């Protein structure tokens, strides 16, 4: 909870090491901030949160879009499309979902899976 005393902002409880010498101890668990120190703390916290959000966004984006054309297993395609393995096999046999044989296994290019998704008609 924020409290204002004599025009100065007081926050409690905060960790003194995070704010260093710019904080004066006021009572047992209260600290007095000057405006510059407060602005620096807010700026650093906002930057940290933005970095976290951007990292999370990039991770999710890379899971769903093709930055590299890696090969996916049938299981990975089924998970990505939220369909059964049988449906993956049926769509491949019909030529709608293009796969490539590597030895005895079938793999799918991520770009081909995305092309398949784009070809689907909305309900």
PDB file of N, CA and C in Angstrom:
ATOM      1  N   UNK A   1       0.847  -1.183   0.000  1.00  0.00           N
ATOM      2  CA  UNK A   1       0.000   0.000   0.000  1.00  0.00           C
ATOM      3  C   UNK A   1       0.881   1.232   0.000  1.00  0.00           C
ATOM      4  N   UNK A   2       0.581   2.239  -0.849  1.00  0.00           N
ATOM      5  CA  UNK A   2       1.345   3.474  -0.914  1.00  0.00           C
ATOM      6  C   UNK A   2       0.814   4.459   0.116  1.00  0.00           C
ATOM      7  N   UNK A   3       1.724   5.137   0.800  1.00  0.00           N
ATOM      8  CA  UNK A   3       1.363   6.147   1.785  1.00  0.00           C
ATOM      9  C   UNK A   3       2.180   7.388   1.479  1.00  0.00           C
ATOM     10  N   UNK A   4       1.571   8.555   1.596  1.00  0.00           N
ATOM     11  CA  UNK A   4       2.290   9.790   1.362  1.00  0.00           C
ATOM     12  C   UNK A   4       2.462  10.538   2.684  1.00  0.00           C
ATOM     13  N   UNK A   5       3.696  10.910   2.995  1.00  0.00           N
ATOM     14  CA  UNK A   5       4.003  11.667   4.208  1.00  0.00           C
ATOM     15  C   UNK A   5       4.809  12.883   3.805  1.00  0.00           C
ATOM     16  N   UNK A   6       4.302  14.076   4.112  1.00  0.00           N
ATOM     17  CA  UNK A   6       4.968  15.328   3.765  1.00  0.00           C
ATOM     18  C   UNK A   6       5.356  15.388   2.289  1.00  0.00           C
ATOM     19  N   UNK A   7       4.469  14.897   1.422  1.00  0.00           N
ATOM     20  CA  UNK A   7       4.712  14.963  -0.011  1.00  0.00           C
ATOM     21  C   UNK A   7       5.671  13.917  -0.531  1.00  0.00           C
ATOM     22  N   UNK A   8       6.184  13.044   0.326  1.00  0.00           N
ATOM     23  CA  UNK A   8       7.104  12.006  -0.112  1.00  0.00           C
ATOM     24  C   UNK A   8       6.387  10.666  -0.103  1.00  0.00           C
ATOM     25  N   UNK A   9       6.682   9.847  -1.099  1.00  0.00           N
ATOM     26  CA  UNK A   9       6.024   8.551  -1.219  1.00  0.00           C
ATOM     27  C   UNK A   9       6.749   7.538  -0.352  1.00  0.00           C
ATOM     28  N   UNK A  10       5.980   6.796   0.431  1.00  0.00           N
ATOM     29  CA  UNK A  10       6.529   5.772   1.308  1.00  0.00           C
ATOM     30  C   UNK A  10       5.881   4.448   0.928  1.00  0.00           C
ATOM     31  N   UNK A  11       6.687   3.433   0.713  1.00  0.00           N
ATOM     32  CA  UNK A  11       6.193   2.099   0.390  1.00  0.00           C
ATOM     33  C   UNK A  11       6.698   1.136   1.448  1.00  0.00           C
ATOM     34  N   UNK A  12       5.871   0.177   1.805  1.00  0.00           N
ATOM     35  CA  UNK A  12       6.306  -0.787   2.811  1.00  0.00           C
ATOM     36  C   UNK A  12       5.741  -2.144   2.479  1.00  0.00           C
ATOM     37  N   UNK A  13       6.396  -3.239   2.714  1.00  0.00           N
ATOM     38  CA  UNK A  13       7.831  -3.351   2.945  1.00  0.00           C
ATOM     39  C   UNK A  13       8.581  -3.548   1.635  1.00  0.00           C
ATOM     40  N   UNK A  14       9.751  -3.026   1.496  1.00  0.00           N
ATOM     41  CA  UNK A  14      10.584  -3.218   0.307  1.00  0.00           C
ATOM     42  C   UNK A  14      11.963  -3.694   0.736  1.00  0.00           C
ATOM     43  N   UNK A  15      12.665  -4.298  -0.171  1.00  0.00           N
ATOM     44  CA  UNK A  15      13.995  -4.797   0.136  1.00  0.00           C
ATOM     45  C   UNK A  15      15.007  -3.688  -0.107  1.00  0.00           C
ATOM     46  N   UNK A  16      15.744  -3.334   0.915  1.00  0.00           N
ATOM     47  CA  UNK A  16      16.660  -2.205   0.839  1.00  0.00           C
ATOM     48  C   UNK A  16      17.745  -2.420  -0.206  1.00  0.00           C
ATOM     49  N   UNK A  17      18.216  -3.625  -0.398  1.00  0.00           N
ATOM     50  CA  UNK A  17      19.291  -3.862  -1.354  1.00  0.00           C
ATOM     51  C   UNK A  17      18.891  -3.535  -2.777  1.00  0.00           C
ATOM     52  N   UNK A  18      17.616  -3.593  -3.120  1.00  0.00           N
ATOM     53  CA  UNK A  18      17.167  -3.282  -4.475  1.00  0.00           C
ATOM     54  C   UNK A  18      17.245  -1.794  -4.762  1.00  0.00           C
ATOM     55  N   UNK A  19      17.208  -1.002  -3.769  1.00  0.00           N
ATOM     56  CA  UNK A  19      17.163   0.439  -3.989  1.00  0.00           C
ATOM     57  C   UNK A  19      18.411   1.162  -3.524  1.00  0.00           C
ATOM     58  N   UNK A  20      19.271   0.445  -2.849  1.00  0.00           N
ATOM     59  CA  UNK A  20      20.582   0.985  -2.493  1.00  0.00           C
ATOM     60  C   UNK A  20      20.549   2.232  -1.638  1.00  0.00           C
ATOM     61  N   UNK A  21      21.493   3.115  -1.896  1.00  0.00           N
ATOM     62  CA  UNK A  21      21.678   4.287  -1.047  1.00  0.00           C
ATOM     63  C   UNK A  21      20.632   5.366  -1.257  1.00  0.00           C
ATOM     64  N   UNK A  22      19.751   5.217  -2.220  1.00  0.00           N
ATOM     65  CA  UNK A  22      18.741   6.228  -2.490  1.00  0.00           C
ATOM     66  C   UNK A  22      17.531   6.115  -1.582  1.00  0.00           C
ATOM     67  N   UNK A  23      17.580   5.208  -0.663  1.00  0.00           N
ATOM     68  CA  UNK A  23      16.459   4.974   0.238  1.00  0.00           C
ATOM     69  C   UNK A  23      16.894   5.272   1.661  1.00  0.00           C
ATOM     70  N   UNK A  24      16.077   6.000   2.384  1.00  0.00           N
ATOM     71  CA  UNK A  24      16.346   6.278   3.794  1.00  0.00           C
ATOM     72  C   UNK A  24      15.358   5.472   4.629  1.00  0.00           C
ATOM     73  N   UNK A  25      15.875   4.829   5.648  1.00  0.00           N
ATOM     74  CA  UNK A  25      14.985   4.057   6.504  1.00  0.00           C
ATOM     75  C   UNK A  25      14.128   5.022   7.309  1.00  0.00           C
ATOM     76  N   UNK A  26      12.810   4.779   7.366  1.00  0.00           N
ATOM     77  CA  UNK A  26      11.912   5.703   8.050  1.00  0.00           C
ATOM     78  C   UNK A  26      11.470   5.157   9.391  1.00  0.00           C
ATOM     79  N   UNK A  27      11.019   3.995   9.521  1.00  0.00           N
ATOM     80  CA  UNK A  27      10.706   3.352  10.786  1.00  0.00           C
ATOM     81  C   UNK A  27      11.234   1.939  10.666  1.00  0.00           C
ATOM     82  N   UNK A  28      10.581   0.976  11.222  1.00  0.00           N
ATOM     83  CA  UNK A  28      11.066  -0.395  11.122  1.00  0.00           C
ATOM     84  C   UNK A  28      10.983  -0.933   9.708  1.00  0.00           C
ATOM     85  N   UNK A  29       9.816  -0.888   9.083  1.00  0.00           N
ATOM     86  CA  UNK A  29       9.644  -1.501   7.774  1.00  0.00           C
ATOM     87  C   UNK A  29       9.259  -0.515   6.684  1.00  0.00           C
ATOM     88  N   UNK A  30       9.408   0.765   6.901  1.00  0.00           N
ATOM     89  CA  UNK A  30       9.024   1.767   5.911  1.00  0.00           C
ATOM     90  C   UNK A  30      10.260   2.413   5.319  1.00  0.00           C
ATOM     91  N   UNK A  31      10.201   2.744   4.035  1.00  0.00           N
ATOM     92  CA  UNK A  31      11.311   3.406   3.358  1.00  0.00           C
ATOM     93  C   UNK A  31      10.798   4.665   2.678  1.00  0.00           C
ATOM     94  N   UNK A  32      11.639   5.685   2.679  1.00  0.00           N
ATOM     95  CA  UNK A  32      11.307   6.963   2.074  1.00  0.00           C
ATOM     96  C   UNK A  32      12.046   7.072   0.746  1.00  0.00           C
ATOM     97  N   UNK A  33      11.330   7.257  -0.337  1.00  0.00           N
ATOM     98  CA  UNK A  33      11.940   7.344  -1.656  1.00  0.00           C
ATOM     99  C   UNK A  33      11.963   8.790  -2.119  1.00  0.00           C
ATOM    100  N   UNK A  34      13.047   9.180  -2.760  1.00  0.00           N
ATOM    101  CA  UNK A  34      12.946  10.423  -3.506  1.00  0.00           C
ATOM    102  C   UNK A  34      12.389  10.066  -4.878  1.00  0.00           C
ATOM    103  N   UNK A  35      11.864  11.004  -5.589  1.00  0.00           N
ATOM    104  CA  UNK A  35      11.158  10.737  -6.843  1.00  0.00           C
ATOM    105  C   UNK A  35      12.048  10.071  -7.884  1.00  0.00           C
ATOM    106  N   UNK A  36      13.309  10.458  -7.965  1.00  0.00           N
ATOM    107  CA  UNK A  36      14.218   9.888  -8.960  1.00  0.00           C
ATOM    108  C   UNK A  36      14.438   8.399  -8.701  1.00  0.00           C
ATOM    109  N   UNK A  37      14.664   8.037  -7.453  1.00  0.00           N
ATOM    110  CA  UNK A  37      14.860   6.626  -7.107  1.00  0.00           C
ATOM    111  C   UNK A  37      13.601   5.824  -7.414  1.00  0.00           C
ATOM    112  N   UNK A  38      12.451   6.376  -7.087  1.00  0.00           N
ATOM    113  CA  UNK A  38      11.188   5.709  -7.354  1.00  0.00           C
ATOM    114  C   UNK A  38      11.003   5.493  -8.855  1.00  0.00           C
ATOM    115  N   UNK A  39      11.288   6.516  -9.665  1.00  0.00           N
ATOM    116  CA  UNK A  39      11.169   6.413 -11.118  1.00  0.00           C
ATOM    117  C   UNK A  39      12.118   5.349 -11.674  1.00  0.00           C
ATOM    118  N   UNK A  40      13.324   5.263 -11.138  1.00  0.00           N
ATOM    119  CA  UNK A  40      14.287   4.258 -11.593  1.00  0.00           C
ATOM    120  C   UNK A  40      13.789   2.846 -11.305  1.00  0.00           C
ATOM    121  N   UNK A  41      13.237   2.645 -10.128  1.00  0.00           N
ATOM    122  CA  UNK A  41      12.725   1.328  -9.747  1.00  0.00           C
ATOM    123  C   UNK A  41      11.574   0.931 -10.658  1.00  0.00           C
ATOM    124  N   UNK A  42      10.661   1.845 -10.890  1.00  0.00           N
ATOM    125  CA  UNK A  42       9.516   1.571 -11.761  1.00  0.00           C
ATOM    126  C   UNK A  42      10.001   1.264 -13.180  1.00  0.00           C
ATOM    127  N   UNK A  43      10.934   2.057 -13.688  1.00  0.00           N
ATOM    128  CA  UNK A  43      11.456   1.858 -15.045  1.00  0.00           C
ATOM    129  C   UNK A  43      12.101   0.475 -15.181  1.00  0.00           C
ATOM    130  N   UNK A  44      12.931   0.084 -14.218  1.00  0.00           N
ATOM    131  CA  UNK A  44      13.592  -1.224 -14.267  1.00  0.00           C
ATOM    132  C   UNK A  44      12.575  -2.361 -14.203  1.00  0.00           C
ATOM    133  N   UNK A  45      11.567  -2.208 -13.365  1.00  0.00           N
ATOM    134  CA  UNK A  45      10.551  -3.251 -13.242  1.00  0.00           C
ATOM    135  C   UNK A  45       9.728  -3.377 -14.524  1.00  0.00           C
ATOM    136  N   UNK A  46       9.371  -2.257 -15.130  1.00  0.00           N
ATOM    137  CA  UNK A  46       8.624  -2.276 -16.387  1.00  0.00           C
ATOM    138  C   UNK A  46       9.466  -2.928 -17.481  1.00  0.00           C
ATOM    139  N   UNK A  47      10.753  -2.586 -17.573  1.00  0.00           N
ATOM    140  CA  UNK A  47      11.633  -3.194 -18.564  1.00  0.00           C
ATOM    141  C   UNK A  47      11.740  -4.705 -18.355  1.00  0.00           C
ATOM    142  N   UNK A  48      11.839  -5.139 -17.107  1.00  0.00           N
ATOM    143  CA  UNK A  48      11.924  -6.558 -16.793  1.00  0.00           C
ATOM    144  C   UNK A  48      10.643  -7.283 -17.229  1.00  0.00           C
ATOM    145  N   UNK A  49       9.490  -6.687 -16.925  1.00  0.00           N
ATOM    146  CA  UNK A  49       8.216  -7.300 -17.296  1.00  0.00           C
ATOM    147  C   UNK A  49       8.032  -7.343 -18.809  1.00  0.00           C
ATOM    148  N   UNK A  50       8.454  -6.296 -19.504  1.00  0.00           N
ATOM    149  CA  UNK A  50       8.354  -6.274 -20.966  1.00  0.00           C
ATOM    150  C   UNK A  50       9.246  -7.356 -21.563  1.00  0.00           C
ATOM    151  N   UNK A  51      10.472  -7.511 -21.027  1.00  0.00           N
ATOM    152  CA  UNK A  51      11.365  -8.571 -21.506  1.00  0.00           C
ATOM    153  C   UNK A  51      10.745  -9.950 -21.308  1.00  0.00           C
ATOM    154  N   UNK A  52      10.135 -10.176 -20.136  1.00  0.00           N
ATOM    155  CA  UNK A  52       9.485 -11.457 -19.874  1.00  0.00           C
ATOM    156  C   UNK A  52       8.356 -11.715 -20.864  1.00  0.00           C
ATOM    157  N   UNK A  53       7.537 -10.700 -21.102  1.00  0.00           N
ATOM    158  CA  UNK A  53       6.417 -10.842 -22.044  1.00  0.00           C
ATOM    159  C   UNK A  53       6.917 -11.098 -23.454  1.00  0.00           C
ATOM    160  N   UNK A  54       7.978 -10.386 -23.863  1.00  0.00           N
ATOM    161  CA  UNK A  54       8.524 -10.561 -25.204  1.00  0.00           C
ATOM    162  C   UNK A  54       9.111 -11.960 -25.364  1.00  0.00           C
ATOM    163  N   UNK A  55       9.828 -12.439 -24.358  1.00  0.00           N
ATOM    164  CA  UNK A  55      10.386 -13.791 -24.407  1.00  0.00           C
ATOM    165  C   UNK A  55       9.275 -14.830 -24.540  1.00  0.00           C
ATOM    166  N   UNK A  56       8.207 -14.658 -23.753  1.00  0.00           N
ATOM    167  CA  UNK A  56       7.080 -15.567 -23.813  1.00  0.00           C
ATOM    168  C   UNK A  56       6.393 -15.501 -25.175  1.00  0.00           C
ATOM    169  N   UNK A  57       6.214 -14.291 -25.702  1.00  0.00           N
ATOM    170  CA  UNK A  57       5.596 -14.103 -27.010  1.00  0.00           C
ATOM    171  C   UNK A  57       6.424 -14.770 -28.106  1.00  0.00           C
ATOM    172  N   UNK A  58       7.743 -14.553 -28.086  1.00  0.00           N
ATOM    173  CA  UNK A  58       8.613 -15.154 -29.100  1.00  0.00           C
ATOM    174  C   UNK A  58       8.595 -16.682 -29.011  1.00  0.00           C
ATOM    175  N   UNK A  59       8.554 -17.217 -27.788  1.00  0.00           N
ATOM    176  CA  UNK A  59       8.499 -18.669 -27.615  1.00  0.00           C
ATOM    177  C   UNK A  59       7.212 -19.223 -28.219  1.00  0.00           C
ATOM    178  N   UNK A  60       6.087 -18.588 -27.908  1.00  0.00           N
ATOM    179  CA  UNK A  60       4.802 -19.052 -28.448  1.00  0.00           C
ATOM    180  C   UNK A  60       4.742 -18.892 -29.960  1.00  0.00           C
ATOM    181  N   UNK A  61       5.285 -17.802 -30.455  1.00  0.00           N
ATOM    182  CA  UNK A  61       5.289 -17.560 -31.891  1.00  0.00           C
ATOM    183  C   UNK A  61       6.118 -18.616 -32.612  1.00  0.00           C
ATOM    184  N   UNK A  62       7.267 -18.951 -32.056  1.00  0.00           N
ATOM    185  CA  UNK A  62       8.128 -19.944 -32.710  1.00  0.00           C
ATOM    186  C   UNK A  62       7.509 -21.336 -32.675  1.00  0.00           C
ATOM    187  N   UNK A  63       6.642 -21.609 -31.703  1.00  0.00           N
ATOM    188  CA  UNK A  63       5.957 -22.901 -31.649  1.00  0.00           C
ATOM    189  C   UNK A  63       4.893 -23.013 -32.734  1.00  0.00           C
ATOM    190  N   UNK A  64       4.343 -21.890 -33.151  1.00  0.00           N
ATOM    191  CA  UNK A  64       3.206 -21.912 -34.061  1.00  0.00           C
ATOM    192  C   UNK A  64       3.509 -21.454 -35.476  1.00  0.00           C
ATOM    193  N   UNK A  65       4.649 -20.855 -35.694  1.00  0.00           N
ATOM    194  CA  UNK A  65       4.981 -20.359 -37.023  1.00  0.00           C
ATOM    195  C   UNK A  65       6.361 -20.835 -37.424  1.00  0.00           C
ATOM    196  N   UNK A  66       6.585 -20.825 -38.698  1.00  0.00           N
ATOM    197  CA  UNK A  66       7.796 -21.426 -39.245  1.00  0.00           C
ATOM    198  C   UNK A  66       8.913 -20.398 -39.403  1.00  0.00           C
ATOM    199  N   UNK A  67       9.889 -20.434 -38.527  1.00  0.00           N
ATOM    200  CA  UNK A  67      11.106 -19.650 -38.712  1.00  0.00           C
ATOM    201  C   UNK A  67      12.161 -20.540 -39.359  1.00  0.00           C
ATOM    202  N   UNK A  68      12.099 -21.790 -39.038  1.00  0.00           N
ATOM    203  CA  UNK A  68      12.950 -22.775 -39.688  1.00  0.00           C
ATOM    204  C   UNK A  68      12.025 -23.892 -40.144  1.00  0.00           C
ATOM    205  N   UNK A  69      12.408 -24.566 -41.177  1.00  0.00           N
ATOM    206  CA  UNK A  69      11.530 -25.587 -41.743  1.00  0.00           C
ATOM    207  C   UNK A  69      11.887 -26.953 -41.169  1.00  0.00           C
ATOM    208  N   UNK A  70      11.771 -27.057 -39.855  1.00  0.00           N
ATOM    209  CA  UNK A  70      12.138 -28.325 -39.219  1.00  0.00           C
ATOM    210  C   UNK A  70      11.117 -29.404 -39.542  1.00  0.00           C
ATOM    211  N   UNK A  71      11.564 -30.635 -39.426  1.00  0.00           N
ATOM    212  CA  UNK A  71      10.689 -31.772 -39.682  1.00  0.00           C
ATOM    213  C   UNK A  71       9.952 -32.160 -38.407  1.00  0.00           C
ATOM    214  N   UNK A  72       8.672 -32.464 -38.564  1.00  0.00           N
ATOM    215  CA  UNK A  72       7.820 -32.839 -37.440  1.00  0.00           C
ATOM    216  C   UNK A  72       7.382 -34.292 -37.589  1.00  0.00           C
ATOM    217  N   UNK A  73       7.271 -34.967 -36.481  1.00  0.00           N
ATOM    218  CA  UNK A  73       6.757 -36.339 -36.489  1.00  0.00           C
ATOM    219  C   UNK A  73       5.233 -36.301 -36.618  1.00  0.00           C
ATOM    220  N   UNK A  74       4.640 -37.457 -36.873  1.00  0.00           N
ATOM    221  CA  UNK A  74       3.174 -37.559 -36.923  1.00  0.00           C
ATOM    222  C   UNK A  74       2.573 -37.097 -35.606  1.00  0.00           C
ATOM    223  N   UNK A  75       3.191 -37.493 -34.513  1.00  0.00           N
ATOM    224  CA  UNK A  75       2.690 -37.127 -33.180  1.00  0.00           C
ATOM    225  C   UNK A  75       2.728 -35.612 -32.969  1.00  0.00           C
ATOM    226  N   UNK A  76       3.833 -34.987 -33.396  1.00  0.00           N
ATOM    227  CA  UNK A  76       3.947 -33.530 -33.252  1.00  0.00           C
ATOM    228  C   UNK A  76       2.907 -32.803 -34.099  1.00  0.00           C
ATOM    229  N   UNK A  77       2.661 -33.315 -35.301  1.00  0.00           N
ATOM    230  CA  UNK A  77       1.646 -32.714 -36.183  1.00  0.00           C
ATOM    231  C   UNK A  77       0.267 -32.876 -35.552  1.00  0.00           C
ATOM    232  N   UNK A  78      -0.016 -34.071 -35.028  1.00  0.00           N
ATOM    233  CA  UNK A  78      -1.317 -34.308 -34.388  1.00  0.00           C
ATOM    234  C   UNK A  78      -1.525 -33.357 -33.218  1.00  0.00           C
ATOM    235  N   UNK A  79      -0.490 -33.146 -32.417  1.00  0.00           N
ATOM    236  CA  UNK A  79      -0.588 -32.224 -31.274  1.00  0.00           C
ATOM    237  C   UNK A  79      -0.777 -30.795 -31.767  1.00  0.00           C
ATOM    238  N   UNK A  80       0.015 -30.408 -32.752  1.00  0.00           N
ATOM    239  CA  UNK A  80      -0.050 -29.038 -33.283  1.00  0.00           C
ATOM    240  C   UNK A  80      -1.430 -28.722 -33.858  1.00  0.00           C
ATOM    241  N   UNK A  81      -2.035 -29.717 -34.541  1.00  0.00           N
ATOM    242  CA  UNK A  81      -3.338 -29.503 -35.166  1.00  0.00           C
ATOM    243  C   UNK A  81      -4.503 -29.917 -34.275  1.00  0.00           C
ATOM    244  N   UNK A  82      -4.197 -30.520 -33.144  1.00  0.00           N
ATOM    245  CA  UNK A  82      -5.215 -31.011 -32.206  1.00  0.00           C
ATOM    246  C   UNK A  82      -6.141 -32.011 -32.897  1.00  0.00           C
ATOM    247  N   UNK A  83      -5.512 -32.970 -33.582  1.00  0.00           N
ATOM    248  CA  UNK A  83      -6.254 -34.035 -34.265  1.00  0.00           C
ATOM    249  C   UNK A  83      -5.616 -35.380 -33.903  1.00  0.00           C
ATOM    250  N   UNK A  84      -6.280 -36.464 -34.275  1.00  0.00           N
ATOM    251  CA  UNK A  84      -5.751 -37.794 -33.967  1.00  0.00           C
ATOM    252  C   UNK A  84      -4.679 -38.194 -34.989  1.00  0.00           C
ATOM    253  N   UNK A  85      -3.899 -39.220 -34.627  1.00  0.00           N
ATOM    254  CA  UNK A  85      -2.896 -39.749 -35.552  1.00  0.00           C
ATOM    255  C   UNK A  85      -3.563 -40.313 -36.805  1.00  0.00           C
ATOM    256  N   UNK A  86      -4.737 -40.924 -36.640  1.00  0.00           N
ATOM    257  CA  UNK A  86      -5.482 -41.447 -37.782  1.00  0.00           C
ATOM    258  C   UNK A  86      -5.861 -40.354 -38.770  1.00  0.00           C
ATOM    259  N   UNK A  87      -6.251 -39.203 -38.245  1.00  0.00           N
ATOM    260  CA  UNK A  87      -6.608 -38.075 -39.117  1.00  0.00           C
ATOM    261  C   UNK A  87      -5.370 -37.557 -39.837  1.00  0.00           C
ATOM    262  N   UNK A  88      -4.241 -37.526 -39.159  1.00  0.00           N
ATOM    263  CA  UNK A  88      -2.985 -37.122 -39.811  1.00  0.00           C
ATOM    264  C   UNK A  88      -2.708 -38.063 -40.976  1.00  0.00           C
ATOM    265  N   UNK A  89      -2.818 -39.372 -40.724  1.00  0.00           N
ATOM    266  CA  UNK A  89      -2.568 -40.366 -41.776  1.00  0.00           C
ATOM    267  C   UNK A  89      -3.562 -40.213 -42.932  1.00  0.00           C
ATOM    268  N   UNK A  90      -4.846 -40.032 -42.623  1.00  0.00           N
ATOM    269  CA  UNK A  90      -5.869 -39.869 -43.662  1.00  0.00           C
ATOM    270  C   UNK A  90      -5.612 -38.631 -44.514  1.00  0.00           C
ATOM    271  N   UNK A  91      -5.266 -37.516 -43.877  1.00  0.00           N
ATOM    272  CA  UNK A  91      -5.009 -36.280 -44.622  1.00  0.00           C
ATOM    273  C   UNK A  91      -3.763 -36.432 -45.502  1.00  0.00           C
ATOM    274  N   UNK A  92      -2.782 -37.196 -45.036  1.00  0.00           N
ATOM    275  CA  UNK A  92      -1.575 -37.438 -45.831  1.00  0.00           C
ATOM    276  C   UNK A  92      -1.912 -38.315 -47.041  1.00  0.00           C
ATOM    277  N   UNK A  93      -2.692 -39.371 -46.817  1.00  0.00           N
ATOM    278  CA  UNK A  93      -3.067 -40.281 -47.906  1.00  0.00           C
ATOM    279  C   UNK A  93      -3.894 -39.571 -48.970  1.00  0.00           C
ATOM    280  N   UNK A  94      -4.708 -38.616 -48.572  1.00  0.00           N
ATOM    281  CA  UNK A  94      -5.529 -37.849 -49.516  1.00  0.00           C
ATOM    282  C   UNK A  94      -4.727 -36.758 -50.222  1.00  0.00           C
ATOM    283  N   UNK A  95      -3.494 -36.545 -49.776  1.00  0.00           N
ATOM    284  CA  UNK A  95      -2.635 -35.533 -50.398  1.00  0.00           C
ATOM    285  C   UNK A  95      -2.852 -34.137 -49.874  1.00  0.00           C
ATOM    286  N   UNK A  96      -3.668 -33.995 -48.848  1.00  0.00           N
ATOM    287  CA  UNK A  96      -3.933 -32.670 -48.288  1.00  0.00           C
ATOM    288  C   UNK A  96      -2.819 -32.218 -47.351  1.00  0.00           C
ATOM    289  N   UNK A  97      -2.200 -33.176 -46.697  1.00  0.00           N
ATOM    290  CA  UNK A  97      -1.092 -32.900 -45.775  1.00  0.00           C
ATOM    291  C   UNK A  97       0.111 -33.652 -46.315  1.00  0.00           C
ATOM    292  N   UNK A  98       1.084 -32.917 -46.838  1.00  0.00           N
ATOM    293  CA  UNK A  98       2.216 -33.539 -47.517  1.00  0.00           C
ATOM    294  C   UNK A  98       3.294 -33.939 -46.509  1.00  0.00           C
ATOM    295  N   UNK A  99       3.694 -35.197 -46.615  1.00  0.00           N
ATOM    296  CA  UNK A  99       4.755 -35.708 -45.768  1.00  0.00           C
ATOM    297  C   UNK A  99       5.899 -36.218 -46.613  1.00  0.00           C
ATOM    298  N   UNK A 100       6.986 -36.574 -45.968  1.00  0.00           N
ATOM    299  CA  UNK A 100       8.114 -37.164 -46.685  1.00  0.00           C
ATOM    300  C   UNK A 100       8.613 -38.367 -45.883  1.00  0.00           C
ATOM    301  N   UNK A 101       8.991 -39.393 -46.605  1.00  0.00           N
ATOM    302  CA  UNK A 101       9.448 -40.625 -45.957  1.00  0.00           C
ATOM    303  C   UNK A 101      10.940 -40.520 -45.664  1.00  0.00           C
ATOM    304  N   UNK A 102      11.278 -40.854 -44.447  1.00  0.00           N
ATOM    305  CA  UNK A 102      12.676 -40.951 -44.042  1.00  0.00           C
ATOM    306  C   UNK A 102      12.815 -42.328 -43.414  1.00  0.00           C
ATOM    307  N   UNK A 103      13.402 -43.225 -44.178  1.00  0.00           N
ATOM    308  CA  UNK A 103      13.458 -44.609 -43.710  1.00  0.00           C
ATOM    309  C   UNK A 103      12.048 -45.169 -43.652  1.00  0.00           C
ATOM    310  N   UNK A 104      11.691 -45.725 -42.512  1.00  0.00           N
ATOM    311  CA  UNK A 104      10.341 -46.283 -42.330  1.00  0.00           C
ATOM    312  C   UNK A 104       9.373 -45.279 -41.726  1.00  0.00           C
ATOM    313  N   UNK A 105       9.863 -44.099 -41.372  1.00  0.00           N
ATOM    314  CA  UNK A 105       8.978 -43.115 -40.736  1.00  0.00           C
ATOM    315  C   UNK A 105       8.577 -42.021 -41.709  1.00  0.00           C
ATOM    316  N   UNK A 106       7.498 -41.351 -41.373  1.00  0.00           N
ATOM    317  CA  UNK A 106       7.003 -40.226 -42.163  1.00  0.00           C
ATOM    318  C   UNK A 106       7.205 -38.963 -41.344  1.00  0.00           C
ATOM    319  N   UNK A 107       7.766 -37.958 -41.982  1.00  0.00           N
ATOM    320  CA  UNK A 107       7.979 -36.657 -41.338  1.00  0.00           C
ATOM    321  C   UNK A 107       7.252 -35.590 -42.148  1.00  0.00           C
ATOM    322  N   UNK A 108       6.936 -34.492 -41.500  1.00  0.00           N
ATOM    323  CA  UNK A 108       6.220 -33.392 -42.143  1.00  0.00           C
ATOM    324  C   UNK A 108       7.008 -32.109 -41.937  1.00  0.00           C
ATOM    325  N   UNK A 109       7.178 -31.358 -43.016  1.00  0.00           N
ATOM    326  CA  UNK A 109       7.826 -30.046 -42.890  1.00  0.00           C
ATOM    327  C   UNK A 109       6.855 -29.102 -42.194  1.00  0.00           C
ATOM    328  N   UNK A 110       7.402 -28.292 -41.316  1.00  0.00           N
ATOM    329  CA  UNK A 110       6.573 -27.317 -40.607  1.00  0.00           C
ATOM    330  C   UNK A 110       5.845 -26.410 -41.604  1.00  0.00           C
ATOM    331  N   UNK A 111       6.530 -26.019 -42.681  1.00  0.00           N
ATOM    332  CA  UNK A 111       5.906 -25.148 -43.689  1.00  0.00           C
ATOM    333  C   UNK A 111       4.724 -25.836 -44.368  1.00  0.00           C
ATOM    334  N   UNK A 112       4.811 -27.157 -44.571  1.00  0.00           N
ATOM    335  CA  UNK A 112       3.698 -27.896 -45.177  1.00  0.00           C
ATOM    336  C   UNK A 112       2.495 -27.949 -44.231  1.00  0.00           C
ATOM    337  N   UNK A 113       2.774 -28.093 -42.946  1.00  0.00           N
ATOM    338  CA  UNK A 113       1.682 -28.095 -41.955  1.00  0.00           C
ATOM    339  C   UNK A 113       0.999 -26.729 -41.946  1.00  0.00           C
ATOM    340  N   UNK A 114       1.793 -25.657 -42.022  1.00  0.00           N
ATOM    341  CA  UNK A 114       1.205 -24.311 -42.060  1.00  0.00           C
ATOM    342  C   UNK A 114       0.395 -24.094 -43.335  1.00  0.00           C
ATOM    343  N   UNK A 115       0.880 -24.619 -44.447  1.00  0.00           N
ATOM    344  CA  UNK A 115       0.129 -24.528 -45.707  1.00  0.00           C
ATOM    345  C   UNK A 115      -1.201 -25.268 -45.575  1.00  0.00           C
ATOM    346  N   UNK A 116      -1.170 -26.423 -44.954  1.00  0.00           N
ATOM    347  CA  UNK A 116      -2.395 -27.194 -44.717  1.00  0.00           C
ATOM    348  C   UNK A 116      -3.383 -26.377 -43.870  1.00  0.00           C
ATOM    349  N   UNK A 117      -2.876 -25.755 -42.818  1.00  0.00           N
ATOM    350  CA  UNK A 117      -3.743 -24.945 -41.947  1.00  0.00           C
ATOM    351  C   UNK A 117      -4.383 -23.819 -42.756  1.00  0.00           C
ATOM    352  N   UNK A 118      -3.584 -23.151 -43.590  1.00  0.00           N
ATOM    353  CA  UNK A 118      -4.112 -22.040 -44.392  1.00  0.00           C
ATOM    354  C   UNK A 118      -5.164 -22.502 -45.396  1.00  0.00           C
ATOM    355  N   UNK A 119      -5.066 -23.763 -45.840  1.00  0.00           N
ATOM    356  CA  UNK A 119      -6.015 -24.282 -46.836  1.00  0.00           C
ATOM    357  C   UNK A 119      -7.358 -24.654 -46.230  1.00  0.00           C
ATOM    358  N   UNK A 120      -7.424 -24.775 -44.915  1.00  0.00           N
ATOM    359  CA  UNK A 120      -8.683 -25.167 -44.257  1.00  0.00           C
ATOM    360  C   UNK A 120      -9.715 -24.065 -44.396  1.00  0.00           C
ATOM    361  N   UNK A 121     -10.952 -24.475 -44.615  1.00  0.00           N
ATOM    362  CA  UNK A 121     -12.042 -23.512 -44.759  1.00  0.00           C
ATOM    363  C   UNK A 121     -12.671 -23.282 -43.380  1.00  0.00           C
ATOM    364  N   UNK A 122     -13.033 -22.018 -43.091  1.00  0.00           N
ATOM    365  CA  UNK A 122     -13.678 -21.751 -41.801  1.00  0.00           C
ATOM    366  C   UNK A 122     -15.049 -22.425 -41.718  1.00  0.00           C
ATOM    367  N   UNK A 123     -15.434 -22.779 -40.532  1.00  0.00           N
ATOM    368  CA  UNK A 123     -16.748 -23.416 -40.319  1.00  0.00           C
ATOM    369  C   UNK A 123     -17.859 -22.395 -40.400  1.00  0.00           C
TER     370      UNK A 123
END
